[in-house]
Amino acid sequence: MGKEEKWRLDNLMGTALFDQDVHNRLVYDRDTSLFSAFGLSKETQNWLRAIEANSLTELAQAIVAHSQSEIFVLIPLSAPA
């Protein structure tokens, strides 16, 4: 996930903290029109719909875990000889 996509997702999550309608549409409905309104790619939308989460906290944890796994993929485990 690129930098801009992460920013869009962060914006959506932040909005969900303060707006109950956005919260419900994100956590319970996984509303594609909401995802589109925040400019999320189809790939990210599909990924968000596949996450098993019953709360905003669980969803945030899954997003952080995914972001951390992307970082580990980019960093080599050992330096070249």
PDB file of N, CA and C in Angstrom:
ATOM      1  N   MET A   1       0.854  -1.176   0.000  1.00  0.00           N
ATOM      2  CA  MET A   1       0.000   0.000   0.000  1.00  0.00           C
ATOM      3  C   MET A   1       0.895   1.234   0.000  1.00  0.00           C
ATOM      4  N   GLY A   2       0.612   2.132  -0.901  1.00  0.00           N
ATOM      5  CA  GLY A   2       1.425   3.329  -1.042  1.00  0.00           C
ATOM      6  C   GLY A   2       1.143   4.372   0.033  1.00  0.00           C
ATOM      7  N   LYS A   3       1.998   5.361   0.054  1.00  0.00           N
ATOM      8  CA  LYS A   3       1.910   6.430   1.050  1.00  0.00           C
ATOM      9  C   LYS A   3       0.566   7.165   0.986  1.00  0.00           C
ATOM     10  N   GLU A   4       0.130   7.512  -0.219  1.00  0.00           N
ATOM     11  CA  GLU A   4      -1.143   8.228  -0.364  1.00  0.00           C
ATOM     12  C   GLU A   4      -2.327   7.361   0.050  1.00  0.00           C
ATOM     13  N   GLU A   5      -2.267   6.088  -0.282  1.00  0.00           N
ATOM     14  CA  GLU A   5      -3.350   5.171   0.096  1.00  0.00           C
ATOM     15  C   GLU A   5      -3.411   5.048   1.619  1.00  0.00           C
ATOM     16  N   LYS A   6      -2.254   4.962   2.266  1.00  0.00           N
ATOM     17  CA  LYS A   6      -2.225   4.899   3.732  1.00  0.00           C
ATOM     18  C   LYS A   6      -2.806   6.173   4.328  1.00  0.00           C
ATOM     19  N   TRP A   7      -2.498   7.324   3.715  1.00  0.00           N
ATOM     20  CA  TRP A   7      -3.037   8.589   4.200  1.00  0.00           C
ATOM     21  C   TRP A   7      -4.563   8.592   4.092  1.00  0.00           C
ATOM     22  N   ARG A   8      -5.088   8.101   2.977  1.00  0.00           N
ATOM     23  CA  ARG A   8      -6.546   8.043   2.790  1.00  0.00           C
ATOM     24  C   ARG A   8      -7.196   7.130   3.829  1.00  0.00           C
ATOM     25  N   LEU A   9      -6.558   5.996   4.074  1.00  0.00           N
ATOM     26  CA  LEU A   9      -7.079   5.053   5.059  1.00  0.00           C
ATOM     27  C   LEU A   9      -7.019   5.654   6.464  1.00  0.00           C
ATOM     28  N   ASP A  10      -5.927   6.326   6.793  1.00  0.00           N
ATOM     29  CA  ASP A  10      -5.818   7.012   8.091  1.00  0.00           C
ATOM     30  C   ASP A  10      -6.907   8.069   8.236  1.00  0.00           C
ATOM     31  N   ASN A  11      -7.171   8.785   7.162  1.00  0.00           N
ATOM     32  CA  ASN A  11      -8.212   9.808   7.174  1.00  0.00           C
ATOM     33  C   ASN A  11      -9.580   9.176   7.448  1.00  0.00           C
ATOM     34  N   LEU A  12      -9.858   8.061   6.811  1.00  0.00           N
ATOM     35  CA  LEU A  12     -11.113   7.345   7.034  1.00  0.00           C
ATOM     36  C   LEU A  12     -11.219   6.879   8.483  1.00  0.00           C
ATOM     37  N   MET A  13     -10.159   6.278   9.001  1.00  0.00           N
ATOM     38  CA  MET A  13     -10.177   5.789  10.381  1.00  0.00           C
ATOM     39  C   MET A  13     -10.369   6.940  11.364  1.00  0.00           C
ATOM     40  N   GLY A  14      -9.688   8.045  11.134  1.00  0.00           N
ATOM     41  CA  GLY A  14      -9.831   9.207  12.007  1.00  0.00           C
ATOM     42  C   GLY A  14     -11.239   9.764  11.985  1.00  0.00           C
ATOM     43  N   THR A  15     -11.821   9.824  10.813  1.00  0.00           N
ATOM     44  CA  THR A  15     -13.196  10.310  10.692  1.00  0.00           C
ATOM     45  C   THR A  15     -14.153   9.382  11.431  1.00  0.00           C
ATOM     46  N   ALA A  16     -13.903   8.076  11.351  1.00  0.00           N
ATOM     47  CA  ALA A  16     -14.762   7.099  12.023  1.00  0.00           C
ATOM     48  C   ALA A  16     -14.727   7.248  13.545  1.00  0.00           C
ATOM     49  N   LEU A  17     -13.643   7.793  14.067  1.00  0.00           N
ATOM     50  CA  LEU A  17     -13.557   8.021  15.515  1.00  0.00           C
ATOM     51  C   LEU A  17     -14.553   9.073  15.987  1.00  0.00           C
ATOM     52  N   PHE A  18     -14.840  10.046  15.133  1.00  0.00           N
ATOM     53  CA  PHE A  18     -15.652  11.193  15.534  1.00  0.00           C
ATOM     54  C   PHE A  18     -17.046  11.231  14.916  1.00  0.00           C
ATOM     55  N   ASP A  19     -17.289  10.402  13.932  1.00  0.00           N
ATOM     56  CA  ASP A  19     -18.574  10.412  13.232  1.00  0.00           C
ATOM     57  C   ASP A  19     -19.192   9.018  13.314  1.00  0.00           C
ATOM     58  N   GLN A  20     -20.259   8.885  14.093  1.00  0.00           N
ATOM     59  CA  GLN A  20     -20.871   7.576  14.329  1.00  0.00           C
ATOM     60  C   GLN A  20     -21.388   6.939  13.042  1.00  0.00           C
ATOM     61  N   ASP A  21     -21.911   7.746  12.119  1.00  0.00           N
ATOM     62  CA  ASP A  21     -22.394   7.207  10.852  1.00  0.00           C
ATOM     63  C   ASP A  21     -21.244   6.595  10.052  1.00  0.00           C
ATOM     64  N   VAL A  22     -20.134   7.309   9.956  1.00  0.00           N
ATOM     65  CA  VAL A  22     -18.958   6.780   9.246  1.00  0.00           C
ATOM     66  C   VAL A  22     -18.451   5.533   9.965  1.00  0.00           C
ATOM     67  N   HIS A  23     -18.429   5.577  11.288  1.00  0.00           N
ATOM     68  CA  HIS A  23     -18.009   4.421  12.091  1.00  0.00           C
ATOM     69  C   HIS A  23     -18.833   3.190  11.729  1.00  0.00           C
ATOM     70  N   ASN A  24     -20.150   3.331  11.751  1.00  0.00           N
ATOM     71  CA  ASN A  24     -21.026   2.194  11.464  1.00  0.00           C
ATOM     72  C   ASN A  24     -20.871   1.705  10.028  1.00  0.00           C
ATOM     73  N   ARG A  25     -20.773   2.624   9.097  1.00  0.00           N
ATOM     74  CA  ARG A  25     -20.612   2.243   7.689  1.00  0.00           C
ATOM     75  C   ARG A  25     -19.282   1.541   7.452  1.00  0.00           C
ATOM     76  N   LEU A  26     -18.262   1.905   8.211  1.00  0.00           N
ATOM     77  CA  LEU A  26     -16.949   1.274   8.073  1.00  0.00           C
ATOM     78  C   LEU A  26     -16.906  -0.080   8.766  1.00  0.00           C
ATOM     79  N   VAL A  27     -17.267  -0.108  10.032  1.00  0.00           N
ATOM     80  CA  VAL A  27     -17.108  -1.326  10.832  1.00  0.00           C
ATOM     81  C   VAL A  27     -18.157  -2.379  10.507  1.00  0.00           C
ATOM     82  N   TYR A  28     -19.414  -1.985  10.415  1.00  0.00           N
ATOM     83  CA  TYR A  28     -20.489  -2.964  10.285  1.00  0.00           C
ATOM     84  C   TYR A  28     -20.941  -3.210   8.852  1.00  0.00           C
ATOM     85  N   ASP A  29     -20.936  -2.166   8.034  1.00  0.00           N
ATOM     86  CA  ASP A  29     -21.441  -2.309   6.669  1.00  0.00           C
ATOM     87  C   ASP A  29     -20.342  -2.541   5.640  1.00  0.00           C
ATOM     88  N   ARG A  30     -19.129  -2.082   5.951  1.00  0.00           N
ATOM     89  CA  ARG A  30     -18.018  -2.100   4.983  1.00  0.00           C
ATOM     90  C   ARG A  30     -18.520  -1.517   3.660  1.00  0.00           C
ATOM     91  N   ASP A  31     -19.085  -0.342   3.769  1.00  0.00           N
ATOM     92  CA  ASP A  31     -19.771   0.364   2.693  1.00  0.00           C
ATOM     93  C   ASP A  31     -18.796   0.799   1.593  1.00  0.00           C
ATOM     94  N   THR A  32     -18.961   0.229   0.407  1.00  0.00           N
ATOM     95  CA  THR A  32     -18.059   0.556  -0.702  1.00  0.00           C
ATOM     96  C   THR A  32     -18.186   2.008  -1.144  1.00  0.00           C
ATOM     97  N   SER A  33     -19.377   2.597  -0.999  1.00  0.00           N
ATOM     98  CA  SER A  33     -19.506   4.012  -1.369  1.00  0.00           C
ATOM     99  C   SER A  33     -18.711   4.894  -0.406  1.00  0.00           C
ATOM    100  N   LEU A  34     -18.604   4.485   0.843  1.00  0.00           N
ATOM    101  CA  LEU A  34     -17.767   5.196   1.815  1.00  0.00           C
ATOM    102  C   LEU A  34     -16.299   5.078   1.421  1.00  0.00           C
ATOM    103  N   PHE A  35     -15.869   3.870   1.088  1.00  0.00           N
ATOM    104  CA  PHE A  35     -14.477   3.655   0.676  1.00  0.00           C
ATOM    105  C   PHE A  35     -14.144   4.495  -0.553  1.00  0.00           C
ATOM    106  N   SER A  36     -15.065   4.515  -1.500  1.00  0.00           N
ATOM    107  CA  SER A  36     -14.850   5.302  -2.719  1.00  0.00           C
ATOM    108  C   SER A  36     -14.786   6.792  -2.413  1.00  0.00           C
ATOM    109  N   ALA A  37     -15.634   7.248  -1.492  1.00  0.00           N
ATOM    110  CA  ALA A  37     -15.649   8.669  -1.128  1.00  0.00           C
ATOM    111  C   ALA A  37     -14.314   9.110  -0.538  1.00  0.00           C
ATOM    112  N   PHE A  38     -13.602   8.186   0.096  1.00  0.00           N
ATOM    113  CA  PHE A  38     -12.292   8.498   0.656  1.00  0.00           C
ATOM    114  C   PHE A  38     -11.166   8.203  -0.337  1.00  0.00           C
ATOM    115  N   GLY A  39     -11.535   7.783  -1.548  1.00  0.00           N
ATOM    116  CA  GLY A  39     -10.553   7.588  -2.609  1.00  0.00           C
ATOM    117  C   GLY A  39      -9.722   6.329  -2.503  1.00  0.00           C
ATOM    118  N   LEU A  40     -10.228   5.333  -1.777  1.00  0.00           N
ATOM    119  CA  LEU A  40      -9.474   4.088  -1.615  1.00  0.00           C
ATOM    120  C   LEU A  40      -9.549   3.236  -2.882  1.00  0.00           C
ATOM    121  N   SER A  41      -8.446   2.595  -3.199  1.00  0.00           N
ATOM    122  CA  SER A  41      -8.380   1.743  -4.389  1.00  0.00           C
ATOM    123  C   SER A  41      -9.281   0.521  -4.212  1.00  0.00           C
ATOM    124  N   LYS A  42      -9.634  -0.101  -5.321  1.00  0.00           N
ATOM    125  CA  LYS A  42     -10.444  -1.325  -5.278  1.00  0.00           C
ATOM    126  C   LYS A  42      -9.726  -2.408  -4.474  1.00  0.00           C
ATOM    127  N   GLU A  43      -8.407  -2.483  -4.630  1.00  0.00           N
ATOM    128  CA  GLU A  43      -7.629  -3.485  -3.892  1.00  0.00           C
ATOM    129  C   GLU A  43      -7.771  -3.266  -2.383  1.00  0.00           C
ATOM    130  N   THR A  44      -7.631  -2.034  -1.940  1.00  0.00           N
ATOM    131  CA  THR A  44      -7.771  -1.730  -0.514  1.00  0.00           C
ATOM    132  C   THR A  44      -9.200  -1.965  -0.054  1.00  0.00           C
ATOM    133  N   GLN A  45     -10.168  -1.606  -0.877  1.00  0.00           N
ATOM    134  CA  GLN A  45     -11.572  -1.838  -0.527  1.00  0.00           C
ATOM    135  C   GLN A  45     -11.841  -3.326  -0.326  1.00  0.00           C
ATOM    136  N   ASN A  46     -11.349  -4.149  -1.237  1.00  0.00           N
ATOM    137  CA  ASN A  46     -11.543  -5.596  -1.122  1.00  0.00           C
ATOM    138  C   ASN A  46     -10.871  -6.136   0.129  1.00  0.00           C
ATOM    139  N   TRP A  47      -9.670  -5.647   0.407  1.00  0.00           N
ATOM    140  CA  TRP A  47      -8.937  -6.076   1.596  1.00  0.00           C
ATOM    141  C   TRP A  47      -9.700  -5.684   2.865  1.00  0.00           C
ATOM    142  N   LEU A  48     -10.208  -4.456   2.925  1.00  0.00           N
ATOM    143  CA  LEU A  48     -10.965  -4.011   4.101  1.00  0.00           C
ATOM    144  C   LEU A  48     -12.225  -4.849   4.304  1.00  0.00           C
ATOM    145  N   ARG A  49     -12.896  -5.209   3.224  1.00  0.00           N
ATOM    146  CA  ARG A  49     -14.109  -6.024   3.347  1.00  0.00           C
ATOM    147  C   ARG A  49     -13.788  -7.431   3.847  1.00  0.00           C
ATOM    148  N   ALA A  50     -12.580  -7.905   3.594  1.00  0.00           N
ATOM    149  CA  ALA A  50     -12.204  -9.261   3.995  1.00  0.00           C
ATOM    150  C   ALA A  50     -11.740  -9.355   5.453  1.00  0.00           C
ATOM    151  N   ILE A  51     -11.429  -8.230   6.073  1.00  0.00           N
ATOM    152  CA  ILE A  51     -10.954  -8.245   7.462  1.00  0.00           C
ATOM    153  C   ILE A  51     -12.103  -8.631   8.390  1.00  0.00           C
ATOM    154  N   GLU A  52     -11.825  -9.576   9.278  1.00  0.00           N
ATOM    155  CA  GLU A  52     -12.816  -9.973  10.275  1.00  0.00           C
ATOM    156  C   GLU A  52     -12.601  -9.116  11.513  1.00  0.00           C
ATOM    157  N   ALA A  53     -13.462  -8.126  11.694  1.00  0.00           N
ATOM    158  CA  ALA A  53     -13.370  -7.222  12.840  1.00  0.00           C
ATOM    159  C   ALA A  53     -14.770  -6.789  13.238  1.00  0.00           C
ATOM    160  N   ASN A  54     -15.002  -6.750  14.539  1.00  0.00           N
ATOM    161  CA  ASN A  54     -16.310  -6.357  15.057  1.00  0.00           C
ATOM    162  C   ASN A  54     -16.293  -4.998  15.736  1.00  0.00           C
ATOM    163  N   SER A  55     -15.160  -4.319  15.678  1.00  0.00           N
ATOM    164  CA  SER A  55     -15.057  -2.993  16.286  1.00  0.00           C
ATOM    165  C   SER A  55     -14.021  -2.183  15.520  1.00  0.00           C
ATOM    166  N   LEU A  56     -14.039  -0.887  15.748  1.00  0.00           N
ATOM    167  CA  LEU A  56     -13.046  -0.023  15.116  1.00  0.00           C
ATOM    168  C   LEU A  56     -11.650  -0.374  15.618  1.00  0.00           C
ATOM    169  N   THR A  57     -11.548  -0.737  16.888  1.00  0.00           N
ATOM    170  CA  THR A  57     -10.259  -1.132  17.465  1.00  0.00           C
ATOM    171  C   THR A  57      -9.709  -2.367  16.763  1.00  0.00           C
ATOM    172  N   GLU A  58     -10.544  -3.381  16.573  1.00  0.00           N
ATOM    173  CA  GLU A  58     -10.102  -4.603  15.888  1.00  0.00           C
ATOM    174  C   GLU A  58      -9.696  -4.305  14.453  1.00  0.00           C
ATOM    175  N   LEU A  59     -10.442  -3.442  13.796  1.00  0.00           N
ATOM    176  CA  LEU A  59     -10.116  -3.066  12.425  1.00  0.00           C
ATOM    177  C   LEU A  59      -8.775  -2.341  12.385  1.00  0.00           C
ATOM    178  N   ALA A  60      -8.569  -1.415  13.321  1.00  0.00           N
ATOM    179  CA  ALA A  60      -7.303  -0.677  13.392  1.00  0.00           C
ATOM    180  C   ALA A  60      -6.135  -1.628  13.652  1.00  0.00           C
ATOM    181  N   GLN A  61      -6.322  -2.605  14.520  1.00  0.00           N
ATOM    182  CA  GLN A  61      -5.264  -3.577  14.805  1.00  0.00           C
ATOM    183  C   GLN A  61      -4.906  -4.375  13.558  1.00  0.00           C
ATOM    184  N   ALA A  62      -5.901  -4.759  12.785  1.00  0.00           N
ATOM    185  CA  ALA A  62      -5.648  -5.504  11.551  1.00  0.00           C
ATOM    186  C   ALA A  62      -4.901  -4.643  10.540  1.00  0.00           C
ATOM    187  N   ILE A  63      -5.246  -3.370  10.470  1.00  0.00           N
ATOM    188  CA  ILE A  63      -4.575  -2.458   9.544  1.00  0.00           C
ATOM    189  C   ILE A  63      -3.122  -2.271   9.950  1.00  0.00           C
ATOM    190  N   VAL A  64      -2.874  -2.087  11.245  1.00  0.00           N
ATOM    191  CA  VAL A  64      -1.502  -1.924  11.738  1.00  0.00           C
ATOM    192  C   VAL A  64      -0.695  -3.191  11.482  1.00  0.00           C
ATOM    193  N   ALA A  65      -1.279  -4.353  11.752  1.00  0.00           N
ATOM    194  CA  ALA A  65      -0.573  -5.619  11.516  1.00  0.00           C
ATOM    195  C   ALA A  65      -0.203  -5.758  10.044  1.00  0.00           C
ATOM    196  N   HIS A  66      -1.112  -5.377   9.168  1.00  0.00           N
ATOM    197  CA  HIS A  66      -0.845  -5.443   7.729  1.00  0.00           C
ATOM    198  C   HIS A  66       0.284  -4.488   7.348  1.00  0.00           C
ATOM    199  N   SER A  67       0.243  -3.289   7.893  1.00  0.00           N
ATOM    200  CA  SER A  67       1.282  -2.294   7.596  1.00  0.00           C
ATOM    201  C   SER A  67       2.639  -2.772   8.077  1.00  0.00           C
ATOM    202  N   GLN A  68       2.679  -3.382   9.257  1.00  0.00           N
ATOM    203  CA  GLN A  68       3.944  -3.888   9.787  1.00  0.00           C
ATOM    204  C   GLN A  68       4.467  -5.038   8.945  1.00  0.00           C
ATOM    205  N   SER A  69       3.575  -5.891   8.452  1.00  0.00           N
ATOM    206  CA  SER A  69       4.027  -7.005   7.616  1.00  0.00           C
ATOM    207  C   SER A  69       4.591  -6.494   6.299  1.00  0.00           C
ATOM    208  N   GLU A  70       4.042  -5.390   5.780  1.00  0.00           N
ATOM    209  CA  GLU A  70       4.593  -4.792   4.558  1.00  0.00           C
ATOM    210  C   GLU A  70       5.999  -4.263   4.799  1.00  0.00           C
ATOM    211  N   ILE A  71       6.236  -3.691   5.970  1.00  0.00           N
ATOM    212  CA  ILE A  71       7.559  -3.164   6.301  1.00  0.00           C
ATOM    213  C   ILE A  71       8.568  -4.294   6.344  1.00  0.00           C
ATOM    214  N   PHE A  72       8.200  -5.417   6.960  1.00  0.00           N
ATOM    215  CA  PHE A  72       9.125  -6.538   7.062  1.00  0.00           C
ATOM    216  C   PHE A  72       9.468  -7.120   5.696  1.00  0.00           C
ATOM    217  N   VAL A  73       8.537  -7.053   4.772  1.00  0.00           N
ATOM    218  CA  VAL A  73       8.797  -7.549   3.423  1.00  0.00           C
ATOM    219  C   VAL A  73       9.824  -6.666   2.727  1.00  0.00           C
ATOM    220  N   LEU A  74       9.805  -5.376   3.022  1.00  0.00           N
ATOM    221  CA  LEU A  74      10.702  -4.434   2.363  1.00  0.00           C
ATOM    222  C   LEU A  74      12.104  -4.412   2.955  1.00  0.00           C
ATOM    223  N   ILE A  75      12.255  -4.847   4.204  1.00  0.00           N
ATOM    224  CA  ILE A  75      13.554  -4.811   4.871  1.00  0.00           C
ATOM    225  C   ILE A  75      14.170  -6.201   4.824  1.00  0.00           C
ATOM    226  N   PRO A  76      15.364  -6.337   4.236  1.00  0.00           N
ATOM    227  CA  PRO A  76      16.005  -7.651   4.207  1.00  0.00           C
ATOM    228  C   PRO A  76      16.349  -8.115   5.621  1.00  0.00           C
ATOM    229  N   LEU A  77      16.259  -9.413   5.844  1.00  0.00           N
ATOM    230  CA  LEU A  77      16.547  -9.960   7.161  1.00  0.00           C
ATOM    231  C   LEU A  77      18.035  -9.980   7.472  1.00  0.00           C
ATOM    232  N   SER A  78      18.857 -10.071   6.465  1.00  0.00           N
ATOM    233  CA  SER A  78      20.300 -10.052   6.710  1.00  0.00           C
ATOM    234  C   SER A  78      20.970  -9.202   5.640  1.00  0.00           C
ATOM    235  N   ALA A  79      22.080  -8.627   6.027  1.00  0.00           N
ATOM    236  CA  ALA A  79      22.829  -7.786   5.091  1.00  0.00           C
ATOM    237  C   ALA A  79      23.544  -8.678   4.087  1.00  0.00           C
ATOM    238  N   PRO A  80      23.684  -8.203   2.854  1.00  0.00           N
ATOM    239  CA  PRO A  80      24.415  -8.999   1.861  1.00  0.00           C
ATOM    240  C   PRO A  80      25.879  -9.154   2.263  1.00  0.00           C
ATOM    241  N   ALA A  81      26.451 -10.279   1.899  1.00  0.00           N
ATOM    242  CA  ALA A  81      27.852 -10.569   2.267  1.00  0.00           C
ATOM    243  C   ALA A  81      28.827  -9.828   1.397  1.00  0.00           C
TER     244      ALA A  81
END
